[in-house]
Amino acid sequence: MKILYIYAHQEPKSFNAALKDTALAALKEKGHEIELSDLYAMNFNPVLTERDFTERKKPDVFKPFLEAINAVKTGAFAPDIKAEMGKVGWADLLIFQFPIYFTSMPAIMKGWIDRVLAPGFGFNPITKSAYETGLLKGKSAMIVTTTGTPQEWYSEGGVHGNLNKHLESVTHCVFEYMGMKTLPSHIIYEVSRLSREKGAEELEKYRQRLLEL
């Protein structure tokens, strides 16, 4: 299987980095082909601007939706977007790993989605049945994420509410909208308080999850 691993964490010595390294080793062990997009290491620009397009259909006013549709036809995306689109097109499975910021993903990850999974490339913008005509049909996607707070806070009735429901803005409104099959999210809670032993247990659980893909 061909797997694109999109990763967003700033610190190479973090638990998230250990998760990522565990994942890459486990996937290679199973013989999968892997591409890594380490967004902070790449200094990926999350901001969608007119510079995303090397040629403009309407240079007098910036309409990103219109320009993206045109760029799909003409190949006028900026090189960094083209490179990431190439990885997406190649992959069978996309794994998105990030820590939870305010019940969602860091801005750099959201910016990757905004810029790379563009209209005309990730989804069909001119149909009423968009969920049935997603342009990434046949691929799968999965979220791997960590929280700093306990699971009770992110449970039904907890102070933040059910985290899986918060993540539906991505799992349903992005992944499924684009035709991808959504695999169950892998969530590790309260990583800020993990002991070394508990951390090792969580890494092994994640490793086993990936070996069973």
Protein backbone atom coordinates (compact mmCIF):
# COMPACT_ATOMS: atom_id res chain seq x y z
CA MET A 1 0.00 0.00 0.00
CA LYS A 2 1.14 3.56 -0.70
CA ILE A 3 0.81 5.80 2.35
CA LEU A 4 1.17 9.58 2.66
CA TYR A 5 1.89 10.59 6.27
CA ILE A 6 1.05 14.26 6.89
CA TYR A 7 2.58 15.32 10.18
CA ALA A 8 2.34 18.56 12.18
CA HIS A 9 4.40 19.04 15.33
CA GLN A 10 7.22 21.46 15.98
CA GLU A 11 9.40 19.49 18.42
CA PRO A 12 11.57 16.53 17.25
CA LYS A 13 11.87 15.28 20.87
CA SER A 14 8.12 15.31 21.54
CA PHE A 15 5.79 12.37 22.13
CA ASN A 16 4.18 13.24 18.80
CA ALA A 17 7.55 12.82 17.10
CA ALA A 18 7.93 9.42 18.77
CA LEU A 19 4.46 8.49 17.45
CA LYS A 20 5.46 9.53 13.95
CA ASP A 21 8.74 7.62 14.08
CA THR A 22 6.94 4.54 15.43
CA ALA A 23 4.46 4.76 12.58
CA LEU A 24 7.07 5.08 9.84
CA ALA A 25 9.04 2.12 11.21
CA ALA A 26 5.93 -0.07 11.54
CA LEU A 27 4.68 0.77 8.05
CA LYS A 28 8.09 0.05 6.51
CA GLU A 29 8.21 -3.21 8.45
CA LYS A 30 4.97 -4.25 6.75
CA GLY A 31 6.39 -3.39 3.34
CA HIS A 32 4.27 -0.32 2.65
CA GLU A 33 5.60 2.53 0.51
CA ILE A 34 5.67 5.79 2.46
CA GLU A 35 5.89 9.48 1.71
CA LEU A 36 6.24 11.90 4.65
CA SER A 37 5.09 15.52 4.64
CA ASP A 38 6.58 16.93 7.87
CA LEU A 39 4.91 20.32 7.65
CA TYR A 40 6.94 22.27 10.20
CA ALA A 41 10.22 20.78 8.98
CA MET A 42 9.20 21.75 5.43
CA ASN A 43 8.28 25.25 6.63
CA PHE A 44 5.02 24.70 4.77
CA ASN A 45 3.12 27.93 4.18
CA PRO A 46 -0.48 27.46 5.38
CA VAL A 47 -1.82 30.72 3.94
CA LEU A 48 -3.77 30.55 0.68
CA THR A 49 -2.92 33.65 -1.38
CA GLU A 50 -2.74 34.73 -5.01
CA ARG A 51 0.86 33.42 -5.05
CA ASP A 52 -0.61 29.90 -5.03
CA PHE A 53 -1.20 30.33 -8.76
CA THR A 54 1.51 30.93 -11.34
CA GLU A 55 -1.08 32.18 -13.84
CA ARG A 56 -4.33 33.94 -13.04
CA LYS A 57 -7.66 33.67 -14.80
CA LYS A 58 -8.80 36.96 -13.25
CA PRO A 59 -5.74 39.02 -12.27
CA ASP A 60 -7.81 42.07 -11.29
CA VAL A 61 -9.64 40.38 -8.38
CA PHE A 62 -8.59 37.33 -6.36
CA LYS A 63 -11.18 34.55 -6.29
CA PRO A 64 -9.32 31.50 -4.94
CA PHE A 65 -12.11 29.04 -5.75
CA LEU A 66 -12.20 30.14 -9.39
CA GLU A 67 -8.41 30.21 -9.68
CA ALA A 68 -8.13 26.67 -8.26
CA ILE A 69 -10.63 25.33 -10.79
CA ASN A 70 -8.65 27.00 -13.55
CA ALA A 71 -5.30 25.77 -12.21
CA VAL A 72 -6.51 22.16 -12.23
CA LYS A 73 -7.05 22.55 -15.96
CA THR A 74 -3.90 24.54 -16.73
CA GLY A 75 -1.41 23.23 -14.16
CA ALA A 76 -0.94 26.74 -12.77
CA PHE A 77 -0.55 25.75 -9.10
CA ALA A 78 2.58 26.91 -7.25
CA PRO A 79 5.36 24.27 -7.04
CA ASP A 80 4.82 23.47 -3.34
CA ILE A 81 1.14 22.73 -3.95
CA LYS A 82 1.90 20.65 -7.04
CA ALA A 83 4.38 18.57 -5.04
CA GLU A 84 1.82 17.79 -2.32
CA MET A 85 -0.92 17.08 -4.88
CA GLY A 86 1.43 14.59 -6.50
CA LYS A 87 1.82 12.78 -3.18
CA VAL A 88 -1.96 12.70 -2.67
CA GLY A 89 -2.55 11.34 -6.16
CA TRP A 90 0.07 8.62 -5.54
CA ALA A 91 -1.25 7.52 -2.13
CA ASP A 92 -3.83 4.86 -1.26
CA LEU A 93 -4.02 6.01 2.37
CA LEU A 94 -3.51 9.45 3.92
CA ILE A 95 -2.66 9.57 7.65
CA PHE A 96 -2.95 12.98 9.32
CA GLN A 97 -1.13 13.29 12.67
CA PHE A 98 -1.36 16.40 14.84
CA PRO A 99 -1.96 17.55 18.44
CA ILE A 100 -5.36 19.00 19.30
CA TYR A 101 -5.45 22.80 19.40
CA PHE A 102 -8.78 24.23 20.61
CA THR A 103 -10.64 20.99 19.70
CA SER A 104 -9.17 20.97 16.19
CA MET A 105 -5.92 20.82 14.20
CA PRO A 106 -3.02 23.31 14.12
CA ALA A 107 -3.24 26.07 11.54
CA ILE A 108 -0.41 24.60 9.47
CA MET A 109 -2.38 21.36 8.97
CA LYS A 110 -5.59 23.22 8.16
CA GLY A 111 -3.62 25.33 5.68
CA TRP A 112 -2.32 22.18 3.99
CA ILE A 113 -5.92 21.03 3.51
CA ASP A 114 -7.01 24.47 2.27
CA ARG A 115 -4.21 24.76 -0.27
CA VAL A 116 -3.70 21.17 -1.41
CA LEU A 117 -7.17 19.58 -1.42
CA ALA A 118 -8.41 22.26 -3.77
CA PRO A 119 -11.73 22.38 -5.65
CA GLY A 120 -11.42 20.43 -8.87
CA PHE A 121 -8.65 18.31 -7.36
CA GLY A 122 -10.10 17.01 -4.07
CA PHE A 123 -13.79 17.57 -4.65
CA ASN A 124 -16.25 18.26 -7.43
CA PRO A 125 -17.54 21.82 -6.95
CA ILE A 126 -20.34 21.78 -9.52
CA THR A 127 -22.67 19.05 -8.39
CA LYS A 128 -25.42 18.78 -5.81
CA SER A 129 -24.34 15.24 -4.90
CA ALA A 130 -20.76 16.16 -3.98
CA TYR A 131 -20.41 13.41 -1.37
CA GLU A 132 -21.08 10.82 -4.07
CA THR A 133 -18.69 12.39 -6.58
CA GLY A 134 -15.61 13.15 -4.45
CA LEU A 135 -12.51 13.18 -6.61
CA LEU A 136 -10.40 11.16 -4.14
CA LYS A 137 -12.71 8.16 -4.21
CA GLY A 138 -10.85 4.89 -3.71
CA LYS A 139 -8.48 6.35 -1.14
CA SER A 140 -8.72 6.13 2.65
CA ALA A 141 -7.85 8.65 5.37
CA MET A 142 -7.19 8.49 9.09
CA ILE A 143 -6.55 10.95 11.92
CA VAL A 144 -3.95 10.32 14.63
CA THR A 145 -4.09 12.91 17.38
CA THR A 146 -3.12 13.71 20.95
CA THR A 147 -4.64 15.87 23.67
CA GLY A 148 -3.18 17.52 26.74
CA THR A 149 -6.33 17.01 28.79
CA PRO A 150 -8.03 13.86 30.13
CA GLN A 151 -10.42 11.73 28.10
CA GLU A 152 -13.30 12.70 30.42
CA TRP A 153 -13.02 16.27 29.17
CA TYR A 154 -13.46 15.08 25.59
CA SER A 155 -16.27 12.61 26.29
CA GLU A 156 -20.02 12.99 25.84
CA GLY A 157 -21.06 15.28 28.68
CA GLY A 158 -17.47 16.37 29.33
CA VAL A 159 -16.49 20.03 29.43
CA HIS A 160 -15.22 20.02 25.82
CA GLY A 161 -17.68 17.48 24.40
CA ASN A 162 -17.00 14.33 22.40
CA LEU A 163 -13.75 14.75 20.49
CA ASN A 164 -14.83 12.36 17.74
CA LYS A 165 -17.77 14.65 17.06
CA HIS A 166 -15.46 17.67 16.85
CA LEU A 167 -13.29 15.76 14.39
CA GLU A 168 -16.28 15.16 12.11
CA SER A 169 -15.55 18.59 10.61
CA VAL A 170 -12.56 16.78 9.10
CA THR A 171 -13.55 13.11 8.92
CA HIS A 172 -16.95 13.83 7.36
CA CYS A 173 -16.76 17.31 5.86
CA VAL A 174 -13.30 16.84 4.33
CA PHE A 175 -12.43 13.14 3.97
CA GLU A 176 -15.88 11.80 3.08
CA TYR A 177 -16.73 14.92 1.09
CA MET A 178 -13.77 14.10 -1.13
CA GLY A 179 -14.88 10.50 -1.53
CA MET A 180 -12.35 8.95 0.83
CA LYS A 181 -13.14 6.14 3.24
CA THR A 182 -12.59 7.32 6.81
CA LEU A 183 -10.79 4.93 9.16
CA PRO A 184 -11.45 5.27 12.93
CA SER A 185 -9.32 7.99 14.51
CA HIS A 186 -6.49 7.00 16.83
CA ILE A 187 -6.60 9.32 19.86
CA ILE A 188 -4.18 9.42 22.80
CA TYR A 189 -5.42 11.54 25.69
CA GLU A 190 -3.53 13.54 28.32
CA VAL A 191 -0.09 13.02 26.82
CA SER A 192 1.30 15.80 29.02
CA ARG A 193 0.99 13.44 32.02
CA LEU A 194 2.12 10.17 30.45
CA SER A 195 4.79 8.29 32.38
CA ARG A 196 7.64 6.78 30.39
CA GLU A 197 6.06 3.33 30.86
CA LYS A 198 2.58 4.48 29.82
CA GLY A 199 4.05 6.33 26.87
CA ALA A 200 5.79 3.16 25.71
CA GLU A 201 2.48 1.28 26.02
CA GLU A 202 0.73 3.87 23.86
CA LEU A 203 3.46 3.72 21.23
CA GLU A 204 3.11 -0.07 21.08
CA LYS A 205 -0.70 0.18 20.77
CA TYR A 206 -0.27 2.54 17.84
CA ARG A 207 2.35 0.30 16.28
CA GLN A 208 -0.01 -2.68 16.48
CA ARG A 209 -2.85 -0.64 14.99
CA LEU A 210 -0.71 0.18 11.97
CA LEU A 211 0.58 -3.37 11.57
CA GLU A 212 -3.05 -4.50 11.29
CA LEU A 213 -3.94 -2.06 8.49
